[in-house]
Amino acid sequence: MKFIKELTEGERVTGQFLISNVSRCVNNLGSPYLNIELRDSSGQIQAKKWEVTSEDDSIFVVGNVAEITAEILKYKEALQAKIITARLLTEDEIDITRLIQTPPVSKEQLTKEFQGYADSIKNPDCVTLLKYFISKYDNKLYVYPAASSIHHEYSSGLLMHIVSMLKMGEFIASNYKNINRDLLLTGIILHDIGKLTELEGPVIYHYSLEGKLIGHISIMAAEIKEAADKLNITSEVPLLLQHMILSHHGQHEYGSPVLPLTSEALALHLIDNTDSKLTILNKALDETKDGEFTQKIFALDSRLFYKHK
């Protein structure tokens, strides 16, 4: 079975694919069809199921794995799959190694680096909060993605995102005297921990009810206040961390209820934005041939980036 990155225009393929997104649409004649995103460990491809049956409603559900036969076409310079047949697979039939992306650095190496940074923090209140949350989310922290799509959407993606940000945070804190290193590194570690509640799923991660109704920013801000009260922390550290969490998206329209108003909050936003945007760009460039432009990247103002030779 070919992986998605190996597909070429004009061939017919049969393989196992993860259903990562589904939307029901209607064509000009009023007939329903499905827009579907298929995924495996090598990437994703947009697909269409033109003749929709009642059985399709149980097959094409986000998180399901199906054996799909499809024709590979090119539409607007991008490959697209026209689904011919599909069969829902049982758990015993699924080859999980074909479906789950792994980080570019091993989980073991990321864990070692993460623990090194965590152990280097000295502020007692930061240490107390970190130990509390690392212990609370130990079963998820090291394996969850950073998002259901867009960036770091693979196994241990959140850990990869945090470690990359910690490296930048260390550099920034050492070069700008008014940034408190312990507070910045603690904020980096905690800033997306709310996603461990926001996302759920054994193979593909999708938004939980809390994720849809509240979101990871509000979830984590509330958890810090709750933990500080439980642990009898009376300093302003929890408040400063709450502010960092609430403002780390940088703008109201991007989901932050407040804007960064401390040096650490601003640094956290800039570091998070840099790592996520460059990761998105790297992913697009990896799928682009030398001397050509990427597809439009929505998260980067729908720009097309040139991959130089």
Protein backbone atom coordinates (compact mmCIF):
# COMPACT_ATOMS: atom_id res chain seq x y z
CA MET A 1 0.00 0.00 0.00
CA LYS A 2 1.31 3.42 -0.93
CA PHE A 3 1.53 6.30 1.52
CA ILE A 4 -0.15 9.60 0.68
CA LYS A 5 3.14 11.33 -0.09
CA GLU A 6 3.83 8.65 -2.72
CA LEU A 7 0.59 9.13 -4.66
CA THR A 8 0.69 10.39 -8.24
CA GLU A 9 -1.91 11.79 -10.60
CA GLY A 10 -3.89 9.28 -12.64
CA GLU A 11 -3.44 6.18 -10.50
CA ARG A 12 -6.03 4.13 -8.63
CA VAL A 13 -5.05 3.15 -5.10
CA THR A 14 -6.43 1.05 -2.26
CA GLY A 15 -5.21 1.56 1.28
CA GLN A 16 -5.92 2.34 4.91
CA PHE A 17 -6.66 5.98 5.64
CA LEU A 18 -7.64 7.94 8.71
CA ILE A 19 -10.71 10.19 8.37
CA SER A 20 -9.44 13.49 9.79
CA ASN A 21 -12.14 15.88 8.60
CA VAL A 22 -15.58 15.59 6.97
CA SER A 23 -18.08 18.14 5.71
CA ARG A 24 -21.36 17.51 3.87
CA CYS A 25 -22.00 19.70 0.85
CA VAL A 26 -24.55 20.03 -1.96
CA ASN A 27 -23.70 20.36 -5.65
CA ASN A 28 -25.41 22.62 -8.20
CA LEU A 29 -28.08 19.99 -8.85
CA GLY A 30 -28.95 19.69 -5.17
CA SER A 31 -27.29 16.30 -4.68
CA PRO A 32 -25.20 15.75 -1.54
CA TYR A 33 -21.48 14.99 -1.60
CA LEU A 34 -18.76 14.76 1.04
CA ASN A 35 -15.56 16.79 1.37
CA ILE A 36 -13.13 14.59 3.27
CA GLU A 37 -9.57 14.88 4.51
CA LEU A 38 -7.68 11.59 4.50
CA ARG A 39 -4.52 11.19 6.52
CA ASP A 40 -1.72 8.72 7.14
CA SER A 41 1.70 9.04 8.74
CA SER A 42 3.13 10.73 5.63
CA GLY A 43 0.59 13.53 5.32
CA GLN A 44 -2.96 14.29 4.20
CA ILE A 45 -4.96 14.62 0.99
CA GLN A 46 -8.32 16.18 0.22
CA ALA A 47 -10.94 13.73 -1.09
CA LYS A 48 -14.48 13.77 -2.39
CA LYS A 49 -17.24 11.17 -2.21
CA TRP A 50 -19.71 12.18 -4.89
CA GLU A 51 -22.41 9.55 -4.58
CA VAL A 52 -23.35 9.54 -0.91
CA THR A 53 -25.11 6.51 0.59
CA SER A 54 -26.63 5.92 4.01
CA GLU A 55 -23.67 3.66 4.83
CA ASP A 56 -21.28 6.56 4.23
CA ASP A 57 -22.64 8.34 7.31
CA SER A 58 -21.21 5.62 9.53
CA ILE A 59 -17.93 5.26 7.61
CA PHE A 60 -16.92 8.86 7.09
CA VAL A 61 -16.74 9.97 10.71
CA VAL A 62 -13.75 11.88 12.10
CA GLY A 63 -11.46 9.40 13.83
CA ASN A 64 -12.56 6.33 11.84
CA VAL A 65 -10.11 4.31 9.78
CA ALA A 66 -11.32 2.96 6.45
CA GLU A 67 -10.01 0.89 3.58
CA ILE A 68 -10.53 3.18 0.62
CA THR A 69 -10.20 2.73 -3.12
CA ALA A 70 -9.79 6.05 -4.92
CA GLU A 71 -8.67 7.66 -8.14
CA ILE A 72 -5.99 10.32 -7.72
CA LEU A 73 -6.71 13.50 -9.67
CA LYS A 74 -5.21 16.96 -9.80
CA TYR A 75 -7.40 19.96 -8.97
CA LYS A 76 -6.03 23.51 -8.82
CA GLU A 77 -2.46 22.16 -8.87
CA ALA A 78 -3.06 19.92 -5.83
CA LEU A 79 -3.68 16.18 -5.76
CA GLN A 80 -7.18 15.10 -4.75
CA ALA A 81 -8.73 11.68 -4.22
CA LYS A 82 -12.02 10.68 -5.82
CA ILE A 83 -13.35 7.95 -3.54
CA ILE A 84 -14.78 4.93 -5.35
CA THR A 85 -15.40 2.51 -2.45
CA ALA A 86 -14.87 2.57 1.29
CA ARG A 87 -15.09 0.00 4.07
CA LEU A 88 -14.90 0.74 7.78
CA LEU A 89 -12.08 -1.25 9.39
CA THR A 90 -12.25 -3.04 12.72
CA GLU A 91 -9.62 -2.35 15.37
CA ASP A 92 -7.90 -5.67 14.62
CA GLU A 93 -7.52 -4.75 10.93
CA ILE A 94 -5.92 -1.35 11.49
CA ASP A 95 -2.18 -0.96 10.92
CA ILE A 96 -1.57 1.84 13.40
CA THR A 97 2.03 2.38 12.21
CA ARG A 98 0.68 3.66 8.88
CA LEU A 99 -1.47 6.30 10.54
CA ILE A 100 0.44 8.01 13.34
CA GLN A 101 3.08 10.60 12.55
CA THR A 102 6.15 10.65 14.76
CA PRO A 103 8.14 13.73 15.82
CA PRO A 104 11.38 14.60 14.01
CA VAL A 105 13.18 14.07 17.33
CA SER A 106 12.61 10.92 19.41
CA LYS A 107 10.19 11.07 22.31
CA GLU A 108 13.01 9.91 24.62
CA GLN A 109 15.28 12.79 23.58
CA LEU A 110 12.46 15.33 23.87
CA THR A 111 11.55 14.03 27.34
CA LYS A 112 15.17 14.31 28.48
CA GLU A 113 15.45 17.88 27.24
CA PHE A 114 12.08 18.84 28.73
CA GLN A 115 13.00 17.45 32.15
CA GLY A 116 16.35 19.24 32.04
CA TYR A 117 14.66 22.61 31.57
CA ALA A 118 11.99 21.85 34.18
CA ASP A 119 14.62 20.83 36.74
CA SER A 120 16.60 24.03 36.11
CA ILE A 121 13.77 26.29 37.33
CA LYS A 122 14.44 27.55 40.87
CA ASN A 123 11.54 29.84 41.83
CA PRO A 124 9.73 27.79 44.51
CA ASP A 125 6.21 28.72 43.42
CA CYS A 126 7.00 27.97 39.77
CA VAL A 127 8.49 24.64 40.83
CA THR A 128 5.43 23.77 42.94
CA LEU A 129 3.01 24.52 40.10
CA LEU A 130 5.11 22.69 37.52
CA LYS A 131 5.36 19.57 39.66
CA TYR A 132 1.60 19.65 40.21
CA PHE A 133 0.70 19.90 36.52
CA ILE A 134 3.40 17.54 35.24
CA SER A 135 2.19 14.93 37.72
CA LYS A 136 -1.48 15.56 36.89
CA TYR A 137 -1.00 15.21 33.12
CA ASP A 138 1.88 12.73 33.07
CA ASN A 139 -0.08 10.20 30.97
CA LYS A 140 -0.86 12.78 28.25
CA LEU A 141 1.90 15.37 28.31
CA TYR A 142 4.50 13.28 26.52
CA VAL A 143 2.28 11.81 23.79
CA TYR A 144 -0.37 14.37 22.81
CA PRO A 145 -0.12 16.55 19.68
CA ALA A 146 -0.02 20.33 19.96
CA ALA A 147 -3.13 20.62 17.77
CA SER A 148 -5.60 18.49 15.86
CA SER A 149 -4.14 19.99 12.67
CA ILE A 150 -2.10 23.00 11.47
CA HIS A 151 1.13 22.54 13.51
CA HIS A 152 2.79 19.81 15.60
CA GLU A 153 -0.24 17.60 14.87
CA TYR A 154 1.62 14.35 15.51
CA SER A 155 2.40 12.04 18.43
CA SER A 156 4.43 13.97 21.07
CA GLY A 157 3.80 17.15 19.06
CA LEU A 158 3.00 19.18 22.18
CA LEU A 159 6.27 18.04 23.77
CA MET A 160 8.17 18.98 20.60
CA HIS A 161 6.49 22.40 20.58
CA ILE A 162 7.31 23.03 24.25
CA VAL A 163 10.96 21.96 23.95
CA SER A 164 11.47 24.11 20.83
CA MET A 165 9.99 27.07 22.68
CA LEU A 166 12.09 26.42 25.80
CA LYS A 167 15.25 26.68 23.69
CA MET A 168 14.13 30.05 22.33
CA GLY A 169 13.02 31.15 25.79
CA GLU A 170 16.42 30.36 27.27
CA PHE A 171 18.12 32.49 24.62
CA ILE A 172 15.70 35.42 25.00
CA ALA A 173 15.83 35.41 28.80
CA SER A 174 19.62 35.53 28.71
CA ASN A 175 19.65 38.53 26.37
CA TYR A 176 16.94 40.77 27.84
CA LYS A 177 17.48 41.74 31.47
CA ASN A 178 13.85 42.52 32.36
CA ILE A 179 12.61 39.02 31.56
CA ASN A 180 12.42 36.62 34.48
CA ARG A 181 13.78 33.31 33.17
CA ASP A 182 11.94 31.04 35.61
CA LEU A 183 8.61 32.74 34.96
CA LEU A 184 9.07 32.64 31.18
CA LEU A 185 10.09 28.97 31.08
CA THR A 186 7.23 28.02 33.41
CA GLY A 187 4.78 29.89 31.18
CA ILE A 188 6.16 28.12 28.12
CA ILE A 189 5.68 24.71 29.72
CA LEU A 190 2.14 25.50 30.91
CA HIS A 191 0.83 27.65 28.05
CA ASP A 192 -0.77 24.81 26.05
CA ILE A 193 -1.40 22.27 28.81
CA GLY A 194 -5.09 23.12 28.50
CA LYS A 195 -5.00 21.29 25.16
CA LEU A 196 -4.71 18.03 27.09
CA THR A 197 -8.34 18.67 28.07
CA GLU A 198 -9.32 20.48 24.88
CA LEU A 199 -8.36 17.51 22.66
CA GLU A 200 -9.25 13.84 22.94
CA GLY A 201 -9.07 10.67 20.88
CA PRO A 202 -7.04 7.46 20.62
CA VAL A 203 -5.78 7.84 17.04
CA ILE A 204 -6.84 11.22 15.71
CA TYR A 205 -7.36 14.00 18.18
CA HIS A 206 -10.52 16.07 17.97
CA TYR A 207 -12.05 18.74 20.17
CA SER A 208 -13.73 17.60 23.37
CA LEU A 209 -16.93 19.23 24.59
CA GLU A 210 -14.89 21.40 26.98
CA GLY A 211 -12.57 22.25 24.12
CA LYS A 212 -15.44 23.43 21.95
CA LEU A 213 -17.29 25.34 24.67
CA ILE A 214 -14.39 26.80 26.67
CA GLY A 215 -11.06 26.35 24.84
CA HIS A 216 -7.57 25.59 26.11
CA ILE A 217 -6.73 29.17 27.08
CA SER A 218 -9.64 29.54 29.51
CA ILE A 219 -9.27 25.96 30.71
CA MET A 220 -5.65 26.47 31.74
CA ALA A 221 -6.14 29.91 33.27
CA ALA A 222 -8.82 28.45 35.53
CA GLU A 223 -6.65 25.44 36.39
CA ILE A 224 -3.76 27.65 37.51
CA LYS A 225 -6.05 29.57 39.89
CA GLU A 226 -7.49 26.32 41.23
CA ALA A 227 -4.02 24.80 41.72
CA ALA A 228 -2.65 27.92 43.42
CA ASP A 229 -5.54 27.91 45.91
CA LYS A 230 -5.11 24.19 46.54
CA LEU A 231 -1.35 24.54 47.03
CA ASN A 232 -1.63 27.70 49.18
CA ILE A 233 0.51 29.83 46.86
CA THR A 234 0.03 33.46 47.86
CA SER A 235 2.62 35.21 45.68
CA GLU A 236 1.75 36.95 42.40
CA VAL A 237 3.32 34.10 40.38
CA PRO A 238 -0.03 32.37 39.64
CA LEU A 239 -1.57 35.68 38.54
CA LEU A 240 1.36 36.42 36.24
CA LEU A 241 1.14 32.93 34.76
CA GLN A 242 -2.62 33.30 34.25
CA HIS A 243 -1.97 36.52 32.38
CA MET A 244 0.64 34.79 30.21
CA ILE A 245 -1.79 32.00 29.37
CA LEU A 246 -4.67 34.36 28.62
CA SER A 247 -2.58 36.63 26.38
CA HIS A 248 -0.29 34.18 24.57
CA HIS A 249 -2.23 34.31 21.27
CA GLY A 250 -1.38 37.99 21.19
CA GLN A 251 -4.60 39.46 19.76
CA HIS A 252 -8.28 39.44 20.69
CA GLU A 253 -9.24 38.11 17.26
CA TYR A 254 -6.91 35.14 17.74
CA GLY A 255 -8.57 34.06 20.96
CA SER A 256 -6.76 35.97 23.69
CA PRO A 257 -9.15 37.82 26.02
CA VAL A 258 -6.31 40.16 27.07
CA LEU A 259 -3.18 41.43 25.33
CA PRO A 260 0.36 40.81 26.69
CA LEU A 261 1.13 43.37 29.40
CA THR A 262 4.32 41.94 30.93
CA SER A 263 7.68 41.28 29.31
CA GLU A 264 7.31 37.54 29.89
CA ALA A 265 3.81 37.52 28.37
CA LEU A 266 5.04 39.33 25.27
CA ALA A 267 8.04 37.00 24.97
CA LEU A 268 5.78 33.94 25.32
CA HIS A 269 3.49 35.20 22.54
CA LEU A 270 6.38 35.94 20.19
CA ILE A 271 8.06 32.58 20.85
CA ASP A 272 4.83 30.63 20.43
CA ASN A 273 3.97 32.49 17.24
CA THR A 274 7.47 31.99 15.81
CA ASP A 275 7.60 28.26 16.51
CA SER A 276 4.10 27.55 15.22
CA LYS A 277 4.46 29.66 12.05
CA LEU A 278 7.89 28.29 11.10
CA THR A 279 6.69 24.74 11.75
CA ILE A 280 3.72 25.31 9.43
CA LEU A 281 6.07 26.72 6.78
CA ASN A 282 8.54 23.85 7.15
CA LYS A 283 5.74 21.36 6.67
CA ALA A 284 4.61 23.07 3.47
CA LEU A 285 8.16 23.32 2.13
CA ASP A 286 8.75 19.62 2.82
CA GLU A 287 5.86 18.89 0.46
CA THR A 288 7.19 21.24 -2.24
CA LYS A 289 9.81 20.57 -4.90
CA ASP A 290 12.90 22.77 -5.16
CA GLY A 291 12.33 25.78 -7.38
CA GLU A 292 8.55 25.74 -6.90
CA PHE A 293 6.04 27.54 -4.67
CA THR A 294 4.03 25.98 -1.88
CA GLN A 295 0.25 25.83 -1.93
CA LYS A 296 -1.47 28.78 -0.24
CA ILE A 297 -0.84 28.61 3.50
CA PHE A 298 -3.94 29.86 5.30
CA ALA A 299 -2.14 30.40 8.63
CA LEU A 300 0.41 32.61 6.84
CA ASP A 301 -2.06 35.03 5.24
CA SER A 302 -2.70 32.57 2.37
CA ARG A 303 0.75 33.32 0.94
CA LEU A 304 2.65 30.99 -1.40
CA PHE A 305 6.29 30.53 -0.33
CA TYR A 306 9.14 29.81 -2.72
CA LYS A 307 11.41 26.81 -2.00
CA HIS A 308 14.74 27.91 -3.37
CA LYS A 309 17.11 25.48 -5.05
